[in-house]
Amino acid sequence: MIQQKQNNEVELEDDEFTEEEEKVLNSIKMNRIIIPMLIGLAVIGYMLYSNWDHDAFLSIKWNGHTLFWIFMAGMMMVVRHFAYAFRLRVLTENFFNWRKAIQLIFIWEFSSAVSPTSVGGSAVALFVLSQEKLGAAKTTALIIYTIVVDTLFFVTAIPLMLLVFGGGVVPKLEGLAFGEWTFYVTFALMILYGGFFFYGLFFNPKHFKAIVRGFCKLWFMKRFRDKADELGDDIIVASEEITKRSKLFHIKAYLSTALAWSTRFVVLNCLIIAFADPNLVSLDFWTQTELYAKLQHLFVILLLLPSPGGAGFAEVVFGNFLSQAGYNLEETISFIIALIWRLLSYYPYLIAGAIIIPWWLRERLNDRRKAKLARLEASE
C-alpha cells in the first residue's frame, strides 16, 4: 500500500518534467515490470510443463556442490554490477561516488530489462545522467562511448574465440526458427553499427553526421531527419570530449567492460557446473573457456530478441542450447537451469528498479524544486 501511494505521487509529479522527459519516464513506469515477468514465467512454466520428467527432477542432487556453484553464479552477478559501477566512475572521472554509481547502474539495468534486447536502455541512461548534473557534453559522450566500447568487446572477443576453438562454438539451436545464421547476421550488424560509431567518435564526426543526414534523405527515412541531425551533433560533441582522454582512460573503460560482460557469461558456466554430470563438464581451464566461448556466441543471438529483456525468448534459447550441448542434461533440468539463470540475472533488476526508481525520481524532483525556489528568491 505504501509503495502504491509512493508510485502515485511520482506519477502526479511528472508534470514537472518536459514532454521529452515524460516519454522516457513512461518507458520505465512500474507497471511495465509485470509484462516481462509474466512473459518469462509463462514461457518457462509452459516449457517445464511440456517437457516435465519427474524422474529427471528427482535426480537433481541439491548437495553442497550444486548450492556452491549456484552461489558462485550469484557472486558473478555482484562482480558484474560492480564492474559496471567502476566503469561509470571511470567514464565520469569519478564524478559519482560508489554508492551513487551502484544506484545508477540498477536504474540503467532496469531500463534494459523492460526494453527489447535489441534496443537496450540508452535513452533512459541519457535521461538519468542528465538529471545528475553531469553536464550535457559528458553525458552525451558517456552514452555514445559505452555503445562503442561494448561493441568493441564483442568484436575483439568473438574472433579470438573462433580462432582458438573454431566454428563449433556457434550454437546450432536445432528445432528453433533461428540459430547459427542468426549469429552471423547479428555479428555482422554489430560490426557495422559499432564500427560506424567508432569512426564518427574517433576519426571524423562531421563526416559521420553527413552520412547520417544523407541516409535520411531516402523517402522512407525522412521522418527521422531531425533525430539524425541531433545524433550527428551528439557525435561531434562526444568526439571532442572523448578524444582528449588519456590512453589509461580507454584501457580502464575496456577492461571494466570486458569484466562486466565476461562475468555475465561465467554466471552460466557456474550454473552448468552446478547441474551437469561432473564427468562431462570438467573444471579445467580449457574446458571452461570453450564453454564460455559457446555461451558468449549464444548471447550474440539473444541480442536480436524483440521482447523486453528478451523475456520468453531467452529462456527457450538457453534451455534449447543446454539440452543439445552434450552435457547429458534432460530438458526438464535444462529449463530449471534457465529459470534459475533468469532469477539471478534478470528479475532482481526488475525488483530493484521498482524500489529505487520512485525514490530516485522524488529526489530529483526535490532538487528541481529547490533550484526553482533559489532562482525565485534570487530574482526578488
Foldseek 3Di string as FASTA:
>chain_A
DVLVVLLVVLVVPCVVDDPLLVVLVVLQRLVLLVVLVCLQVVLLVVLCVVQPDPVLVVPFDPDPLLVVLLVVLLVLLVLLLQLQLLLVCLLLVNPDPSVVSSLLSLQQQLSLQSAQLLVGRLVNQLSLVVLVPSDNLSSLLVSLVVLLLLLVLCVVPLVVLCVVPNPPLFFQLPPDPDGNVLLVVLNVVSCVVNVLSVCLQAPNLQVSLVVLLVVCVPPVNVVCNVVSNVVSVSSVSSSVVPNVDDPVSVVSNNVSSNSSVLSLLVSLVSNCSSGFDCVQQPPDPVSSVSSSSSSSSLVSSLSPQRGRNSRSNQLSSQLSRVCPVPRPRRSSRSSVSSVSSCVSNRSVSSVSNSVSVSVSSVVSVVVVVVVVVVVVVVVD
